[in-house]
Protein backbone atom coordinates (compact mmCIF):
# COMPACT_ATOMS: atom_id res chain seq x y z
CA MET A 1 175.35 -18.79 178.05
CA ASP A 2 173.44 -16.78 175.44
CA PHE A 3 176.19 -18.58 173.47
CA PHE A 4 174.37 -21.78 173.92
CA GLN A 5 171.46 -20.85 173.20
CA ILE A 6 172.12 -19.62 170.11
CA TRP A 7 174.21 -22.50 168.83
CA PHE A 8 171.07 -24.23 169.47
CA ALA A 9 168.84 -22.34 167.99
CA LEU A 10 171.42 -22.08 164.61
CA THR A 11 171.32 -25.91 164.99
CA LEU A 12 167.46 -26.80 165.31
CA SER A 13 167.02 -24.50 162.36
CA ALA A 14 169.70 -25.45 159.90
CA ASN A 15 168.67 -29.17 160.37
CA GLY A 16 164.73 -28.87 160.53
CA GLY A 17 164.07 -27.08 157.12
CA ALA A 18 162.95 -29.31 154.63
CA TRP A 19 165.18 -28.78 151.28
CA LEU A 20 163.83 -28.48 147.75
CA GLY A 21 167.16 -28.48 146.57
CA THR A 22 167.39 -32.62 148.52
CA ALA A 23 163.96 -33.82 146.42
CA VAL A 24 165.39 -32.14 143.84
CA LEU A 25 168.83 -33.22 143.51
CA VAL A 26 167.68 -37.55 144.97
CA THR A 27 165.11 -37.81 141.99
CA ASN A 28 166.71 -36.70 138.98
CA MET A 29 169.78 -38.44 140.41
CA ARG A 30 167.82 -41.88 140.18
CA ASN A 31 166.07 -40.21 136.96
CA PHE A 32 169.57 -40.21 135.81
CA PRO A 33 171.58 -43.19 136.94
CA LEU A 34 174.74 -43.08 133.82
CA SER A 35 174.81 -39.01 134.54
CA ARG A 36 174.87 -38.47 138.41
CA GLY A 37 178.12 -36.73 138.42
CA ALA A 38 176.43 -33.97 135.73
CA VAL A 39 173.16 -33.76 137.73
CA ALA A 40 174.44 -33.24 141.22
CA GLY A 41 177.09 -30.93 139.53
CA ILE A 42 174.46 -28.72 137.56
CA LEU A 43 172.01 -29.08 140.48
CA LYS A 44 174.62 -27.97 142.79
CA GLY A 45 176.16 -25.11 141.03
CA TYR A 46 172.76 -23.40 140.40
CA SER A 47 172.33 -23.26 143.75
CA GLY A 48 175.45 -21.58 144.58
CA LEU A 49 174.42 -19.02 141.64
CA SER A 50 171.26 -18.70 143.90
CA ALA A 51 173.95 -15.65 146.14
CA ALA A 52 174.49 -13.74 142.81
CA VAL A 53 170.42 -13.93 142.07
CA TYR A 54 169.42 -12.64 145.23
CA THR A 55 172.22 -9.57 144.91
CA GLU A 56 171.16 -8.75 141.34
CA ILE A 57 167.44 -8.78 142.17
CA TYR A 58 168.31 -6.85 145.82
CA THR A 59 170.54 -4.37 143.97
CA GLY A 60 168.35 -3.98 140.60
CA VAL A 61 164.74 -4.44 141.37
CA LEU A 62 164.62 -4.20 144.95
CA ARG A 63 166.34 -0.92 145.05
CA ASP A 64 168.81 -1.83 148.21
CA SER A 65 165.58 -2.49 150.08
CA PRO A 66 165.95 -4.91 153.63
CA THR A 67 162.00 -4.75 153.98
CA ASN A 68 161.22 -5.28 150.31
CA LEU A 69 164.50 -8.17 149.89
CA LEU A 70 162.66 -10.07 153.47
CA LEU A 71 158.96 -10.69 152.09
CA LEU A 72 160.60 -11.74 149.07
CA LEU A 73 162.27 -14.14 151.13
CA THR A 74 158.95 -14.76 153.71
CA LEU A 75 156.11 -14.86 150.44
CA GLY A 76 157.64 -14.72 147.18
CA ILE A 77 160.30 -18.38 147.34
CA PRO A 78 158.01 -20.27 149.22
CA ALA A 79 155.30 -19.66 146.10
CA ILE A 80 157.75 -20.56 144.10
CA CYS A 81 158.72 -23.60 146.23
CA LEU A 82 154.59 -24.84 145.74
CA LEU A 83 154.65 -24.06 142.32
CA ALA A 84 157.56 -26.15 141.44
CA ILE A 85 157.26 -29.01 143.74
CA TYR A 86 154.46 -30.43 141.00
CA PHE A 87 157.27 -30.94 138.15
CA VAL A 88 159.69 -32.85 140.62
CA ARG A 89 159.27 -36.47 140.15
CA PRO A 90 160.50 -39.63 139.19
CA CYS A 91 160.62 -41.18 135.49
CA GLU A 92 161.69 -43.90 133.92
CA PRO A 93 164.91 -44.36 134.27
CA SER A 94 167.19 -44.89 130.95
CA LEU A 95 169.65 -47.82 131.41
CA VAL A 96 171.27 -46.59 127.44
CA GLU A 97 173.47 -44.33 126.83
CA THR A 98 172.65 -42.14 124.35
CA ASN A 99 174.32 -38.95 122.50
CA ALA A 100 171.28 -37.21 122.88
CA GLU A 101 171.57 -37.06 126.59
CA GLN A 102 174.65 -35.97 126.71
CA VAL A 103 174.53 -33.08 124.43
CA HIS A 104 170.81 -32.70 126.53
CA PHE A 105 173.63 -31.96 130.16
CA MET A 106 176.08 -30.39 128.14
CA PHE A 107 173.49 -27.69 126.43
CA VAL A 108 172.14 -26.98 130.87
CA GLN A 109 176.04 -26.86 131.66
CA MET A 110 176.58 -24.04 128.99
CA ALA A 111 173.71 -22.01 130.02
CA SER A 112 174.35 -22.48 133.32
CA VAL A 113 177.92 -21.22 132.95
CA LEU A 114 177.15 -18.94 130.72
CA LEU A 115 174.05 -17.15 133.75
CA GLY A 116 176.82 -17.10 135.88
CA ILE A 117 178.77 -15.06 133.73
CA TYR A 118 175.94 -12.71 132.80
CA LEU A 119 175.10 -12.25 136.72
CA VAL A 120 178.93 -11.36 137.24
CA GLY A 121 178.68 -8.54 134.95
CA ALA A 122 175.30 -7.06 135.41
CA THR A 123 176.48 -6.50 138.84
CA ILE A 124 179.61 -5.07 138.03
CA LEU A 125 177.63 -2.59 135.31
CA ASP A 126 174.57 -1.87 137.68
CA HIS A 127 177.98 -0.32 139.77
CA VAL A 128 179.53 1.42 137.68
CA VAL A 129 176.54 3.22 135.81
CA THR A 130 173.46 4.42 137.07
CA LEU A 131 170.71 2.25 135.49
CA ASN A 132 167.64 3.42 135.94
CA ASP A 133 164.44 1.12 136.24
CA ILE A 134 163.83 0.12 132.88
CA ILE A 135 166.93 -0.99 131.85
CA ASN A 136 166.91 -2.91 134.97
CA TYR A 137 163.98 -4.32 134.69
CA PHE A 138 165.48 -5.54 131.55
CA LEU A 139 168.57 -7.10 133.06
CA LEU A 140 166.45 -8.33 134.94
CA SER A 141 164.35 -10.55 132.14
CA ILE A 142 167.23 -11.83 130.33
CA MET A 143 168.35 -13.50 133.61
CA VAL A 144 164.99 -14.71 134.26
CA LEU A 145 165.14 -16.28 130.28
CA LEU A 146 168.88 -17.93 130.73
CA ILE A 147 167.49 -19.39 134.10
CA PHE A 148 164.44 -21.46 132.12
CA ALA A 149 167.08 -21.84 129.05
CA PRO A 150 166.48 -25.80 130.10
CA LEU A 151 163.13 -25.58 129.50
CA ALA A 152 163.95 -25.41 125.69
CA ILE A 153 165.07 -29.53 126.33
CA PRO A 154 161.44 -30.75 126.94
CA LEU A 155 160.21 -28.51 124.81
CA MET A 156 162.09 -29.26 121.93
CA MET A 157 161.73 -33.26 122.92
CA THR A 158 158.03 -32.74 123.50
CA LEU A 159 157.34 -30.62 119.67
CA PHE A 160 159.40 -32.92 117.67
CA PRO A 161 159.53 -36.15 119.27
CA ARG A 162 162.28 -38.59 117.77
CA SER A 163 161.34 -42.16 116.23
CA LYS A 164 161.32 -44.92 118.82
CA ASN A 165 161.77 -47.12 115.61
CA SER A 166 164.34 -45.95 114.69
CA ALA A 167 167.83 -47.68 113.28
CA THR A 168 169.58 -46.71 116.52
CA ASP A 169 167.38 -47.67 118.70
CA ASN A 170 167.19 -50.87 117.23
CA ASP A 171 171.26 -51.99 116.84
CA GLN A 172 171.04 -51.01 120.83
CA LYS A 173 168.31 -53.40 121.15
CA GLU A 174 169.85 -56.31 119.14
CA SER A 175 173.03 -55.64 121.08
CA LEU A 176 171.63 -55.74 124.16
CA LEU A 177 168.92 -58.30 123.96
CA PRO A 178 169.77 -62.20 123.04
CA SER A 179 167.74 -64.33 121.27
CA SER A 180 164.35 -65.42 122.00
CA SER A 181 165.28 -69.00 121.86
CA GLU A 182 168.29 -68.13 124.34
CA SER A 183 165.79 -66.14 126.27
CA ASN A 184 163.48 -68.20 126.45
CA LEU A 185 165.82 -71.14 127.92
CA ASN A 186 166.90 -68.63 130.65
CA PHE A 187 163.81 -67.78 131.63
CA GLU A 188 162.61 -71.50 131.88
CA ASP A 189 166.34 -71.89 134.10
CA GLU A 190 165.42 -69.37 136.35
CA ASP A 191 161.76 -69.88 136.94
CA SER A 192 162.57 -73.88 137.93
CA PHE A 193 165.03 -72.30 140.19
CA ASP A 194 163.04 -69.59 141.81
CA ILE A 195 160.21 -72.59 142.44
CA ASP A 196 162.51 -75.50 143.90
CA ILE A 197 164.05 -72.17 146.30
CA LEU A 198 160.36 -71.47 147.31
CA LEU A 199 159.20 -74.20 148.03
CA ALA A 200 162.99 -75.47 150.22
CA GLU A 201 162.03 -71.90 152.14
CA GLY A 202 158.26 -72.96 152.51
CA GLU A 203 159.34 -76.39 153.57
CA GLY A 204 161.56 -75.09 156.10
CA ALA A 205 164.52 -76.82 154.55
CA ILE A 206 166.05 -73.26 154.00
CA LYS A 207 166.05 -70.13 155.43
CA PRO A 208 165.62 -67.41 152.98
CA GLU A 209 168.72 -64.85 152.55
CA LYS A 210 168.87 -61.67 153.56
CA ARG A 211 170.96 -59.41 151.45
CA ARG A 212 172.69 -56.45 152.52
CA PRO A 213 171.95 -53.49 150.29
CA ARG A 214 175.00 -52.40 148.13
CA ARG A 215 176.75 -49.12 147.07
CA GLY A 216 174.23 -46.83 145.39
CA GLU A 217 170.76 -49.15 146.97
CA ASP A 218 168.55 -47.51 150.61
CA PHE A 219 169.95 -47.69 153.25
CA ARG A 220 168.63 -47.92 156.96
CA PHE A 221 170.39 -45.91 159.39
CA ARG A 222 171.68 -49.22 160.91
CA GLU A 223 172.95 -49.71 158.09
CA ALA A 224 174.35 -47.23 157.04
CA ILE A 225 175.96 -46.32 160.21
CA LEU A 226 178.26 -49.81 159.90
CA LYS A 227 179.51 -48.16 156.43
CA ALA A 228 182.73 -46.52 156.15
CA ASP A 229 181.13 -44.08 153.54
CA PHE A 230 178.80 -43.35 155.51
CA TRP A 231 181.78 -42.08 158.15
CA LEU A 232 183.69 -41.04 155.19
CA LEU A 233 180.91 -38.37 153.97
CA PHE A 234 180.00 -37.40 157.83
CA ALA A 235 183.70 -36.64 158.84
CA ILE A 236 183.33 -34.27 155.16
CA TYR A 237 180.22 -33.04 155.54
CA PHE A 238 181.13 -31.90 159.09
CA VAL A 239 184.23 -30.44 158.96
CA GLY A 240 184.18 -28.69 155.44
CA VAL A 241 180.84 -27.90 154.33
CA GLY A 242 179.60 -26.76 157.99
CA SER A 243 183.11 -23.76 157.80
CA GLY A 244 181.65 -23.46 153.83
CA ILE A 245 178.34 -22.58 154.70
CA THR A 246 179.37 -20.45 157.25
CA VAL A 247 181.43 -18.11 155.16
CA LEU A 248 179.39 -18.23 152.38
CA ASN A 249 176.22 -16.84 154.37
CA ASN A 250 179.00 -14.18 156.83
CA LEU A 251 180.31 -13.53 153.56
CA ALA A 252 179.21 -9.70 153.95
CA GLN A 253 180.13 -9.16 157.13
CA ILE A 254 183.73 -10.54 156.59
CA GLY A 255 184.54 -7.83 154.59
CA ILE A 256 182.98 -4.95 156.13
CA ALA A 257 184.75 -6.47 159.10
CA ALA A 258 187.98 -5.98 156.44
CA GLY A 259 187.87 -2.99 155.79
CA ALA A 260 185.39 -3.02 152.35
CA VAL A 261 182.73 -0.40 152.29
CA ASP A 262 180.35 -2.20 149.35
CA THR A 263 179.90 -6.15 149.36
CA THR A 264 178.07 -6.63 146.81
CA ILE A 265 180.62 -7.20 143.31
CA SER A 266 182.59 -9.25 146.20
CA LEU A 267 179.07 -11.22 146.67
CA SER A 268 178.39 -11.92 143.00
CA VAL A 269 182.41 -13.42 142.09
CA PHE A 270 182.54 -15.43 145.23
CA SER A 271 178.62 -16.79 143.88
CA PHE A 272 180.31 -17.58 140.36
CA CYS A 273 183.15 -18.76 141.71
CA ASN A 274 181.49 -21.09 144.08
CA PHE A 275 179.02 -22.50 141.05
CA PHE A 276 181.71 -23.01 138.66
CA GLY A 277 183.40 -25.52 141.36
CA ARG A 278 180.37 -27.45 142.75
CA LEU A 279 179.61 -27.69 138.66
CA GLY A 280 183.66 -28.65 137.63
CA GLY A 281 183.06 -31.33 140.60
CA GLY A 282 180.07 -32.80 139.16
CA ALA A 283 181.51 -32.80 135.20
CA VAL A 284 185.25 -34.37 137.08
CA SER A 285 183.61 -37.19 139.39
CA GLU A 286 181.54 -38.23 135.89
CA TYR A 287 185.11 -38.03 134.21
CA LEU A 288 186.76 -40.22 136.58
CA VAL A 289 183.99 -42.68 137.80
CA ARG A 290 183.97 -43.57 133.66
């Protein structure tokens, strides 16, 4: 009976939480429809690095205090989410791929890899050498700078905006848009066709066509459960993700049960490998799709 009570409590808590990462992921994948793989890899990669970030804060600043860590998780994390929620907003997506966007994603990927390497190195250094408070806060400040390194991109775009009337933009627009005469003819034909369809529907001659959503569009639950993609994703998450999260959340207990005295370095290395796998999975999927 106790087992089923624990199972019910864990199921309720795991599925009842509103993850800010989900809102960030969905919003940014819609903001960058041409680079969804890179966006998913970067955001999920930072989520994988969270264990190493908490480990560095716990060992370097909180001085291995469970009470201080609980206070941080109770007050600090919700405060950060409330402050960051303003920046999670949809914008007008760009449907034309540019070299600047690829460079920006490459910069974020390299900054995240550098952050992961730094976290592993700082954790190992903290266990090999006894560091004082000044050095610990200095290492923490470097970690914060690396975390906020992607902010250099919007700052640079704000301080040094690109000219909208550049020659490259004009060439792209000319190649994508038809001539004025062709566009006028197309618009007239489409307008007359739409008017005829609306008149026929109003007179009851034809019924309005109900089109099912295509892949990549928003589905209702009844529409989603009829798709093989939904059940494929459900099976992957049910079999793979659940067991992976269980191992990730209980890695310290698994290490202690296996005989390890200190699992801090193992947690940091595992977090980096988790991050690298997520980042690489996003980049590889983007390459295969293209």
